[in-house]
Amino acid sequence: MIKCRDYRSIFPLTLAEMRRLLANIRQSPDECWLWTGYVDGDGYGRICIRGAYWHVHRMIYELMLGPVPLDCILHHRCKNKRCCNPLHLKPATRSLHIELDDVHRKCRSPQPPQEFCRRGHELTDESTRWRTVKGKRRRVCLACEAAANVRRNRTRRLKRAAAVALRASADARSQLRPEG
């Protein structure tokens, strides 16, 4: 009997959860199903369902093809960590996975440019700009940068308003005190 990882109590997904999952998948010309939602620091697509983050490629694989054996992890045959096409995923032991990755690193061609930012915005020449960050040139998503500026400005306004209110209350207290 093959023991399998229990992808905990996530299955079955509700209709709303399934729609949310499928809404962030785009098919690329090379048959990859690219995840356009949140991507973690390692480059894998993640989704928050019922208060926990799940690997999207693993969820899709287990939904469509069944559980992954306990001693295996999913290897991306297409070498694209954002791909969640179950036909591009192969259960492999850790040692085989490392071996396959080493072979890939030795003959790797340059990475194609990203199509989407971490938050799912499409990256085109019009929607991005180049910036030097810590000595490295990086492409920055204008929509994400604008949202960050809005958050930063909101925080500054709140801090400024709190400081003004604190000064006003201190002034009011000093006027109420009897001099003497």
N, C-alpha and C. Protein backbone atom coordinates (compact mmCIF):
# COMPACT_ATOMS: atom_id res chain seq x y z
N MET A 1 0.83 -1.18 0.00
CA MET A 1 0.00 0.00 0.00
C MET A 1 0.88 1.25 0.00
N ILE A 2 0.60 2.18 -0.90
CA ILE A 2 1.36 3.42 -0.98
C ILE A 2 0.69 4.45 -0.08
N LYS A 3 1.46 4.95 0.87
CA LYS A 3 0.92 6.01 1.72
C LYS A 3 1.03 7.32 0.97
N CYS A 4 0.03 8.16 1.10
CA CYS A 4 0.01 9.43 0.38
C CYS A 4 -0.13 10.58 1.35
N ARG A 5 0.42 11.71 0.96
CA ARG A 5 0.22 12.91 1.75
C ARG A 5 -1.26 13.25 1.74
N ASP A 6 -1.79 13.49 2.89
CA ASP A 6 -3.18 13.92 2.95
C ASP A 6 -3.15 15.43 2.81
N TYR A 7 -3.69 15.95 1.73
CA TYR A 7 -3.67 17.39 1.56
C TYR A 7 -4.71 17.99 2.47
N ARG A 8 -4.64 17.52 3.67
CA ARG A 8 -5.47 17.88 4.80
C ARG A 8 -6.94 17.96 4.42
N SER A 9 -7.66 18.80 5.05
CA SER A 9 -9.11 18.82 4.85
C SER A 9 -9.52 19.80 3.76
N ILE A 10 -8.61 20.09 2.83
CA ILE A 10 -8.91 21.10 1.81
C ILE A 10 -9.92 20.60 0.79
N PHE A 11 -9.91 19.31 0.52
CA PHE A 11 -10.84 18.75 -0.47
C PHE A 11 -12.08 18.22 0.21
N PRO A 12 -13.24 18.32 -0.35
CA PRO A 12 -13.55 18.94 -1.63
C PRO A 12 -13.63 20.46 -1.50
N LEU A 13 -13.30 21.13 -2.59
CA LEU A 13 -13.37 22.59 -2.63
C LEU A 13 -14.81 23.02 -2.90
N THR A 14 -15.18 24.16 -2.36
CA THR A 14 -16.50 24.71 -2.66
C THR A 14 -16.45 25.30 -4.07
N LEU A 15 -17.60 25.59 -4.62
CA LEU A 15 -17.68 26.16 -5.96
C LEU A 15 -16.96 27.52 -6.03
N ALA A 16 -17.15 28.33 -5.00
CA ALA A 16 -16.49 29.65 -4.96
C ALA A 16 -14.97 29.49 -4.90
N GLU A 17 -14.47 28.54 -4.10
CA GLU A 17 -13.03 28.30 -4.01
C GLU A 17 -12.48 27.81 -5.35
N MET A 18 -13.23 26.94 -6.01
CA MET A 18 -12.79 26.41 -7.30
C MET A 18 -12.74 27.53 -8.35
N ARG A 19 -13.74 28.42 -8.34
CA ARG A 19 -13.74 29.55 -9.28
C ARG A 19 -12.54 30.45 -9.04
N ARG A 20 -12.25 30.72 -7.75
CA ARG A 20 -11.12 31.58 -7.41
C ARG A 20 -9.81 30.95 -7.86
N LEU A 21 -9.71 29.64 -7.72
CA LEU A 21 -8.51 28.92 -8.14
C LEU A 21 -8.34 29.00 -9.65
N LEU A 22 -9.40 28.74 -10.39
CA LEU A 22 -9.31 28.70 -11.85
C LEU A 22 -9.22 30.09 -12.48
N ALA A 23 -9.67 31.12 -11.77
CA ALA A 23 -9.64 32.47 -12.32
C ALA A 23 -8.21 32.99 -12.48
N ASN A 24 -7.26 32.43 -11.75
CA ASN A 24 -5.88 32.90 -11.79
C ASN A 24 -4.97 32.03 -12.64
N ILE A 25 -5.54 31.21 -13.51
CA ILE A 25 -4.73 30.35 -14.36
C ILE A 25 -4.89 30.80 -15.81
N ARG A 26 -3.75 31.02 -16.48
CA ARG A 26 -3.74 31.39 -17.90
C ARG A 26 -2.93 30.36 -18.66
N GLN A 27 -3.38 30.00 -19.85
CA GLN A 27 -2.64 29.03 -20.65
C GLN A 27 -1.65 29.77 -21.53
N SER A 28 -0.40 29.29 -21.54
CA SER A 28 0.64 29.91 -22.36
C SER A 28 0.79 29.11 -23.66
N PRO A 29 1.49 29.66 -24.65
CA PRO A 29 1.66 28.95 -25.92
C PRO A 29 2.36 27.59 -25.79
N ASP A 30 3.20 27.43 -24.77
CA ASP A 30 3.92 26.16 -24.60
C ASP A 30 3.15 25.16 -23.73
N GLU A 31 1.83 25.32 -23.66
CA GLU A 31 0.92 24.42 -22.94
C GLU A 31 1.04 24.48 -21.42
N CYS A 32 1.82 25.42 -20.89
CA CYS A 32 1.87 25.59 -19.44
C CYS A 32 0.60 26.30 -18.98
N TRP A 33 0.13 25.93 -17.80
CA TRP A 33 -0.97 26.65 -17.17
C TRP A 33 -0.32 27.56 -16.15
N LEU A 34 -0.17 28.83 -16.49
CA LEU A 34 0.56 29.75 -15.63
C LEU A 34 -0.33 30.33 -14.54
N TRP A 35 0.16 30.29 -13.32
CA TRP A 35 -0.52 30.87 -12.18
C TRP A 35 -0.23 32.36 -12.17
N THR A 36 -1.28 33.20 -12.19
CA THR A 36 -1.10 34.64 -12.23
C THR A 36 -1.39 35.29 -10.89
N GLY A 37 -1.70 34.50 -9.88
CA GLY A 37 -1.96 35.04 -8.55
C GLY A 37 -0.68 35.18 -7.75
N TYR A 38 -0.79 35.08 -6.44
CA TYR A 38 0.35 35.24 -5.53
C TYR A 38 1.41 34.17 -5.79
N VAL A 39 2.67 34.62 -5.83
CA VAL A 39 3.80 33.71 -6.00
C VAL A 39 4.71 33.89 -4.79
N ASP A 40 5.10 32.77 -4.15
CA ASP A 40 5.94 32.88 -2.96
C ASP A 40 7.38 33.19 -3.34
N GLY A 41 8.25 33.34 -2.36
CA GLY A 41 9.64 33.70 -2.59
C GLY A 41 10.41 32.68 -3.40
N ASP A 42 9.96 31.43 -3.41
CA ASP A 42 10.63 30.38 -4.18
C ASP A 42 10.12 30.31 -5.61
N GLY A 43 9.10 31.10 -5.94
CA GLY A 43 8.59 31.14 -7.31
C GLY A 43 7.38 30.25 -7.57
N TYR A 44 6.85 29.60 -6.54
CA TYR A 44 5.70 28.71 -6.70
C TYR A 44 4.40 29.47 -6.44
N GLY A 45 3.37 29.17 -7.22
CA GLY A 45 2.08 29.78 -7.03
C GLY A 45 1.43 29.31 -5.74
N ARG A 46 0.83 30.22 -5.00
CA ARG A 46 0.16 29.88 -3.74
C ARG A 46 -1.21 30.54 -3.72
N ILE A 47 -2.13 29.92 -3.01
CA ILE A 47 -3.47 30.47 -2.84
C ILE A 47 -3.89 30.26 -1.40
N CYS A 48 -4.59 31.25 -0.85
CA CYS A 48 -5.09 31.16 0.52
C CYS A 48 -6.53 30.67 0.48
N ILE A 49 -6.75 29.51 1.06
CA ILE A 49 -8.10 28.94 1.15
C ILE A 49 -8.31 28.48 2.59
N ARG A 50 -9.40 28.93 3.16
CA ARG A 50 -9.77 28.61 4.54
C ARG A 50 -8.67 28.95 5.53
N GLY A 51 -8.01 30.10 5.28
CA GLY A 51 -7.03 30.60 6.22
C GLY A 51 -5.64 29.99 6.12
N ALA A 52 -5.38 29.14 5.13
CA ALA A 52 -4.06 28.54 4.96
C ALA A 52 -3.61 28.70 3.52
N TYR A 53 -2.29 28.81 3.33
CA TYR A 53 -1.74 28.93 1.97
C TYR A 53 -1.39 27.55 1.43
N TRP A 54 -1.75 27.32 0.18
CA TRP A 54 -1.55 26.03 -0.46
C TRP A 54 -0.78 26.21 -1.76
N HIS A 55 0.07 25.23 -2.11
CA HIS A 55 0.75 25.25 -3.40
C HIS A 55 -0.27 24.91 -4.48
N VAL A 56 -0.38 25.79 -5.46
CA VAL A 56 -1.40 25.63 -6.51
C VAL A 56 -1.12 24.41 -7.38
N HIS A 57 0.16 24.20 -7.78
CA HIS A 57 0.46 23.08 -8.65
C HIS A 57 0.11 21.76 -7.98
N ARG A 58 0.31 21.68 -6.69
CA ARG A 58 0.00 20.46 -5.95
C ARG A 58 -1.52 20.24 -5.85
N MET A 59 -2.26 21.35 -5.60
CA MET A 59 -3.72 21.24 -5.51
C MET A 59 -4.31 20.75 -6.83
N ILE A 60 -3.88 21.36 -7.94
CA ILE A 60 -4.40 20.98 -9.25
C ILE A 60 -4.06 19.53 -9.55
N TYR A 61 -2.82 19.14 -9.25
CA TYR A 61 -2.39 17.75 -9.50
C TYR A 61 -3.28 16.78 -8.72
N GLU A 62 -3.48 17.07 -7.44
CA GLU A 62 -4.26 16.15 -6.61
C GLU A 62 -5.74 16.19 -6.97
N LEU A 63 -6.23 17.32 -7.43
CA LEU A 63 -7.62 17.39 -7.87
C LEU A 63 -7.85 16.54 -9.13
N MET A 64 -6.89 16.60 -10.06
CA MET A 64 -7.10 15.97 -11.36
C MET A 64 -6.54 14.55 -11.47
N LEU A 65 -5.40 14.28 -10.81
CA LEU A 65 -4.75 12.98 -10.99
C LEU A 65 -4.67 12.14 -9.72
N GLY A 66 -4.99 12.72 -8.59
CA GLY A 66 -4.95 11.95 -7.35
C GLY A 66 -3.77 12.35 -6.48
N PRO A 67 -3.67 11.71 -5.30
CA PRO A 67 -2.64 12.10 -4.34
C PRO A 67 -1.22 11.75 -4.79
N VAL A 68 -0.27 12.51 -4.24
CA VAL A 68 1.15 12.29 -4.51
C VAL A 68 1.67 11.33 -3.44
N PRO A 69 2.44 10.29 -3.82
CA PRO A 69 2.98 9.37 -2.81
C PRO A 69 3.82 10.11 -1.75
N LEU A 70 3.82 9.58 -0.52
CA LEU A 70 4.48 10.24 0.61
C LEU A 70 5.95 10.51 0.38
N ASP A 71 6.65 9.60 -0.27
CA ASP A 71 8.09 9.75 -0.44
C ASP A 71 8.46 10.60 -1.66
N CYS A 72 7.48 11.21 -2.30
CA CYS A 72 7.72 11.96 -3.54
C CYS A 72 7.32 13.43 -3.40
N ILE A 73 7.94 14.24 -4.25
CA ILE A 73 7.55 15.63 -4.43
C ILE A 73 7.25 15.79 -5.91
N LEU A 74 6.60 16.88 -6.28
CA LEU A 74 6.25 17.08 -7.68
C LEU A 74 7.38 17.81 -8.40
N HIS A 75 7.82 17.23 -9.50
CA HIS A 75 8.88 17.81 -10.33
C HIS A 75 8.25 18.45 -11.56
N HIS A 76 8.61 19.70 -11.85
CA HIS A 76 8.09 20.39 -13.02
C HIS A 76 8.93 19.99 -14.24
N ARG A 77 8.36 19.21 -15.14
CA ARG A 77 9.08 18.81 -16.35
C ARG A 77 9.37 20.00 -17.24
N CYS A 78 8.49 21.00 -17.21
CA CYS A 78 8.63 22.18 -18.07
C CYS A 78 9.60 23.21 -17.48
N LYS A 79 10.07 22.97 -16.26
CA LYS A 79 11.02 23.86 -15.57
C LYS A 79 10.42 25.22 -15.23
N ASN A 80 9.10 25.32 -15.21
CA ASN A 80 8.43 26.58 -14.88
C ASN A 80 7.69 26.39 -13.56
N LYS A 81 8.18 27.01 -12.50
CA LYS A 81 7.60 26.81 -11.17
C LYS A 81 6.17 27.33 -11.06
N ARG A 82 5.79 28.29 -11.92
CA ARG A 82 4.43 28.84 -11.88
C ARG A 82 3.44 27.97 -12.65
N CYS A 83 3.92 26.96 -13.36
CA CYS A 83 3.05 26.09 -14.15
C CYS A 83 2.31 25.14 -13.22
N CYS A 84 1.00 24.97 -13.46
CA CYS A 84 0.22 24.03 -12.65
C CYS A 84 -0.51 23.02 -13.53
N ASN A 85 -0.03 22.83 -14.76
CA ASN A 85 -0.59 21.81 -15.64
C ASN A 85 -0.17 20.45 -15.09
N PRO A 86 -1.13 19.60 -14.71
CA PRO A 86 -0.76 18.32 -14.10
C PRO A 86 0.01 17.40 -15.04
N LEU A 87 -0.09 17.63 -16.36
CA LEU A 87 0.66 16.80 -17.30
C LEU A 87 2.14 17.21 -17.34
N HIS A 88 2.46 18.38 -16.80
CA HIS A 88 3.85 18.83 -16.73
C HIS A 88 4.49 18.48 -15.40
N LEU A 89 3.73 17.86 -14.50
CA LEU A 89 4.23 17.52 -13.17
C LEU A 89 4.44 16.02 -13.06
N LYS A 90 5.52 15.65 -12.39
CA LYS A 90 5.84 14.23 -12.25
C LYS A 90 6.28 13.98 -10.81
N PRO A 91 5.64 13.03 -10.12
CA PRO A 91 6.11 12.70 -8.77
C PRO A 91 7.52 12.13 -8.85
N ALA A 92 8.41 12.64 -8.02
CA ALA A 92 9.80 12.17 -8.01
C ALA A 92 10.32 12.19 -6.58
N THR A 93 11.24 11.28 -6.29
CA THR A 93 11.86 11.30 -4.96
C THR A 93 12.75 12.54 -4.89
N ARG A 94 13.11 12.93 -3.67
CA ARG A 94 13.94 14.13 -3.52
C ARG A 94 15.26 13.99 -4.26
N SER A 95 15.89 12.81 -4.15
CA SER A 95 17.19 12.64 -4.80
C SER A 95 17.06 12.72 -6.32
N LEU A 96 16.01 12.14 -6.89
CA LEU A 96 15.80 12.22 -8.33
C LEU A 96 15.49 13.66 -8.75
N HIS A 97 14.71 14.35 -7.93
CA HIS A 97 14.37 15.74 -8.22
C HIS A 97 15.63 16.61 -8.26
N ILE A 98 16.52 16.43 -7.29
CA ILE A 98 17.77 17.19 -7.25
C ILE A 98 18.63 16.86 -8.47
N GLU A 99 18.68 15.57 -8.81
CA GLU A 99 19.46 15.14 -9.97
C GLU A 99 18.91 15.78 -11.26
N LEU A 100 17.59 15.77 -11.41
CA LEU A 100 16.97 16.37 -12.60
C LEU A 100 17.21 17.88 -12.65
N ASP A 101 17.15 18.53 -11.50
CA ASP A 101 17.40 19.97 -11.45
C ASP A 101 18.85 20.29 -11.80
N ASP A 102 19.80 19.48 -11.33
CA ASP A 102 21.21 19.70 -11.64
C ASP A 102 21.46 19.57 -13.14
N VAL A 103 20.84 18.58 -13.78
CA VAL A 103 20.97 18.41 -15.22
C VAL A 103 20.42 19.64 -15.93
N HIS A 104 19.29 20.13 -15.44
CA HIS A 104 18.66 21.31 -16.05
C HIS A 104 19.56 22.54 -15.90
N ARG A 105 20.17 22.73 -14.72
CA ARG A 105 21.01 23.91 -14.49
C ARG A 105 22.21 23.94 -15.42
N LYS A 106 22.75 22.75 -15.73
CA LYS A 106 23.95 22.70 -16.58
C LYS A 106 23.65 23.09 -18.02
N CYS A 107 22.43 22.85 -18.47
CA CYS A 107 22.12 23.15 -19.88
C CYS A 107 21.03 24.21 -20.00
N ARG A 108 20.90 25.06 -18.99
CA ARG A 108 19.81 26.04 -18.97
C ARG A 108 20.06 27.16 -19.97
N SER A 109 19.02 27.51 -20.68
CA SER A 109 19.08 28.67 -21.56
C SER A 109 18.59 29.87 -20.76
N PRO A 110 18.85 31.08 -21.23
CA PRO A 110 18.41 32.26 -20.48
C PRO A 110 16.90 32.23 -20.22
N GLN A 111 16.52 32.71 -19.06
CA GLN A 111 15.10 32.73 -18.69
C GLN A 111 14.34 33.72 -19.57
N PRO A 112 13.16 33.34 -20.05
CA PRO A 112 12.36 34.32 -20.79
C PRO A 112 11.84 35.39 -19.83
N PRO A 113 11.55 36.57 -20.32
CA PRO A 113 11.06 37.62 -19.41
C PRO A 113 9.72 37.22 -18.79
N GLN A 114 9.52 37.69 -17.56
CA GLN A 114 8.26 37.41 -16.86
C GLN A 114 7.09 38.03 -17.59
N GLU A 115 5.95 37.34 -17.58
CA GLU A 115 4.75 37.87 -18.22
C GLU A 115 3.85 38.59 -17.23
N PHE A 116 3.94 38.19 -15.94
CA PHE A 116 3.08 38.76 -14.91
C PHE A 116 3.91 39.06 -13.68
N CYS A 117 3.51 40.11 -12.93
CA CYS A 117 4.20 40.42 -11.69
C CYS A 117 3.68 39.49 -10.59
N ARG A 118 4.21 39.64 -9.39
CA ARG A 118 3.83 38.77 -8.27
C ARG A 118 2.34 38.86 -7.94
N ARG A 119 1.73 40.02 -8.21
CA ARG A 119 0.32 40.19 -7.88
C ARG A 119 -0.59 39.96 -9.08
N GLY A 120 -0.03 39.47 -10.20
CA GLY A 120 -0.85 39.08 -11.32
C GLY A 120 -1.05 40.13 -12.40
N HIS A 121 -0.42 41.31 -12.27
CA HIS A 121 -0.55 42.33 -13.31
C HIS A 121 0.31 41.93 -14.51
N GLU A 122 -0.22 42.15 -15.71
CA GLU A 122 0.53 41.82 -16.91
C GLU A 122 1.70 42.80 -17.07
N LEU A 123 2.89 42.27 -17.39
CA LEU A 123 4.07 43.09 -17.53
C LEU A 123 4.34 43.37 -19.00
N THR A 124 4.10 44.61 -19.41
CA THR A 124 4.38 45.05 -20.77
C THR A 124 5.30 46.26 -20.68
N ASP A 125 5.77 46.76 -21.82
CA ASP A 125 6.64 47.94 -21.81
C ASP A 125 5.91 49.15 -21.24
N GLU A 126 4.59 49.23 -21.49
CA GLU A 126 3.80 50.37 -21.00
C GLU A 126 3.51 50.27 -19.50
N SER A 127 3.42 49.05 -18.97
CA SER A 127 3.01 48.89 -17.57
C SER A 127 4.19 48.71 -16.61
N THR A 128 5.41 48.85 -17.13
CA THR A 128 6.59 48.68 -16.27
C THR A 128 7.60 49.78 -16.53
N ARG A 129 8.57 49.87 -15.62
CA ARG A 129 9.72 50.72 -15.86
C ARG A 129 10.93 50.07 -15.21
N TRP A 130 12.11 50.41 -15.68
CA TRP A 130 13.34 49.85 -15.15
C TRP A 130 13.84 50.73 -14.02
N ARG A 131 14.32 50.07 -12.97
CA ARG A 131 14.82 50.76 -11.81
C ARG A 131 16.07 50.06 -11.30
N THR A 132 16.98 50.79 -10.72
CA THR A 132 18.15 50.18 -10.09
C THR A 132 17.86 50.08 -8.60
N VAL A 133 17.83 48.85 -8.10
CA VAL A 133 17.55 48.59 -6.70
C VAL A 133 18.73 47.79 -6.15
N LYS A 134 19.44 48.35 -5.18
CA LYS A 134 20.61 47.71 -4.57
C LYS A 134 21.62 47.28 -5.63
N GLY A 135 21.85 48.16 -6.59
CA GLY A 135 22.85 47.90 -7.61
C GLY A 135 22.42 46.98 -8.74
N LYS A 136 21.19 46.49 -8.73
CA LYS A 136 20.70 45.61 -9.79
C LYS A 136 19.56 46.28 -10.53
N ARG A 137 19.60 46.17 -11.87
CA ARG A 137 18.50 46.72 -12.66
C ARG A 137 17.32 45.75 -12.59
N ARG A 138 16.16 46.29 -12.24
CA ARG A 138 14.95 45.47 -12.11
C ARG A 138 13.80 46.15 -12.82
N ARG A 139 12.91 45.31 -13.33
CA ARG A 139 11.69 45.83 -13.95
C ARG A 139 10.63 45.93 -12.86
N VAL A 140 10.01 47.10 -12.74
CA VAL A 140 9.04 47.37 -11.68
C VAL A 140 7.65 47.55 -12.29
N CYS A 141 6.66 46.87 -11.71
CA CYS A 141 5.27 46.99 -12.16
C CYS A 141 4.72 48.33 -11.68
N LEU A 142 4.22 49.14 -12.60
CA LEU A 142 3.71 50.47 -12.24
C LEU A 142 2.46 50.39 -11.37
N ALA A 143 1.60 49.40 -11.62
CA ALA A 143 0.38 49.26 -10.81
C ALA A 143 0.73 48.92 -9.36
N CYS A 144 1.68 48.01 -9.16
CA CYS A 144 2.09 47.66 -7.80
C CYS A 144 2.79 48.84 -7.12
N GLU A 145 3.60 49.58 -7.88
CA GLU A 145 4.29 50.74 -7.34
C GLU A 145 3.29 51.82 -6.93
N ALA A 146 2.25 52.03 -7.74
CA ALA A 146 1.23 53.03 -7.41
C ALA A 146 0.47 52.62 -6.15
N ALA A 147 0.15 51.33 -6.03
CA ALA A 147 -0.55 50.84 -4.84
C ALA A 147 0.33 51.01 -3.60
N ALA A 148 1.62 50.75 -3.73
CA ALA A 148 2.54 50.91 -2.60
C ALA A 148 2.62 52.38 -2.20
N ASN A 149 2.64 53.28 -3.19
CA ASN A 149 2.67 54.72 -2.88
C ASN A 149 1.41 55.16 -2.16
N VAL A 150 0.25 54.64 -2.57
CA VAL A 150 -1.01 54.97 -1.91
C VAL A 150 -0.97 54.51 -0.45
N ARG A 151 -0.48 53.27 -0.23
CA ARG A 151 -0.39 52.75 1.15
C ARG A 151 0.58 53.59 1.98
N ARG A 152 1.73 53.92 1.40
CA ARG A 152 2.74 54.71 2.11
C ARG A 152 2.19 56.10 2.46
N ASN A 153 1.52 56.75 1.51
CA ASN A 153 0.96 58.08 1.76
C ASN A 153 -0.14 58.03 2.81
N ARG A 154 -0.98 56.98 2.77
CA ARG A 154 -2.06 56.84 3.76
C ARG A 154 -1.46 56.71 5.16
N THR A 155 -0.40 55.92 5.28
CA THR A 155 0.26 55.74 6.58
C THR A 155 0.85 57.06 7.06
N ARG A 156 1.50 57.81 6.17
CA ARG A 156 2.07 59.10 6.54
C ARG A 156 0.99 60.07 7.01
N ARG A 157 -0.14 60.12 6.27
CA ARG A 157 -1.23 61.02 6.66
C ARG A 157 -1.78 60.64 8.04
N LEU A 158 -1.94 59.33 8.29
CA LEU A 158 -2.46 58.89 9.59
C LEU A 158 -1.50 59.26 10.71
N LYS A 159 -0.20 59.09 10.50
CA LYS A 159 0.78 59.44 11.53
C LYS A 159 0.77 60.94 11.79
N ARG A 160 0.68 61.72 10.69
CA ARG A 160 0.64 63.18 10.83
C ARG A 160 -0.60 63.60 11.60
N ALA A 161 -1.76 63.02 11.26
CA ALA A 161 -3.01 63.36 11.94
C ALA A 161 -2.95 62.97 13.42
N ALA A 162 -2.33 61.83 13.71
CA ALA A 162 -2.21 61.40 15.10
C ALA A 162 -1.31 62.36 15.88
N ALA A 163 -0.22 62.83 15.26
CA ALA A 163 0.67 63.77 15.93
C ALA A 163 -0.03 65.10 16.20
N VAL A 164 -0.81 65.59 15.23
CA VAL A 164 -1.55 66.83 15.40
C VAL A 164 -2.59 66.67 16.52
N ALA A 165 -3.30 65.56 16.54
CA ALA A 165 -4.31 65.32 17.58
C ALA A 165 -3.66 65.23 18.95
N LEU A 166 -2.49 64.61 19.02
CA LEU A 166 -1.78 64.48 20.30
C LEU A 166 -1.34 65.85 20.80
N ARG A 167 -0.82 66.69 19.88
CA ARG A 167 -0.43 68.05 20.27
C ARG A 167 -1.64 68.86 20.72
N ALA A 168 -2.76 68.73 20.01
CA ALA A 168 -3.98 69.48 20.36
C ALA A 168 -4.49 69.06 21.73
N SER A 169 -4.45 67.78 22.02
CA SER A 169 -4.93 67.33 23.34
C SER A 169 -3.98 67.78 24.44
N ALA A 170 -2.69 67.82 24.15
CA ALA A 170 -1.72 68.30 25.15
C ALA A 170 -1.94 69.78 25.41
N ASP A 171 -2.20 70.55 24.35
CA ASP A 171 -2.47 71.98 24.50
C ASP A 171 -3.76 72.20 25.31
N ALA A 172 -4.78 71.39 25.01
CA ALA A 172 -6.05 71.53 25.72
C ALA A 172 -5.87 71.21 27.21
N ARG A 173 -5.08 70.20 27.51
CA ARG A 173 -4.84 69.85 28.91
C ARG A 173 -4.06 70.95 29.63
N SER A 174 -3.10 71.54 28.94
CA SER A 174 -2.31 72.59 29.59
C SER A 174 -3.14 73.84 29.85
N GLN A 175 -4.16 74.10 29.02
CA GLN A 175 -5.01 75.26 29.22
C GLN A 175 -6.00 75.03 30.37
N LEU A 176 -6.34 73.77 30.64
CA LEU A 176 -7.27 73.46 31.70
C LEU A 176 -6.62 73.49 33.09
N ARG A 177 -5.32 73.33 33.15
CA ARG A 177 -4.61 73.30 34.43
C ARG A 177 -4.56 74.72 35.04
N PRO A 178 -4.83 74.77 36.32
CA PRO A 178 -4.72 76.08 36.98
C PRO A 178 -3.24 76.45 37.14
N GLU A 179 -2.94 77.70 36.87
CA GLU A 179 -1.55 78.15 37.01
C GLU A 179 -1.30 78.51 38.46
N GLY A 180 -0.17 78.15 38.91
CA GLY A 180 -0.01 78.55 40.26
C GLY A 180 1.12 78.08 40.93
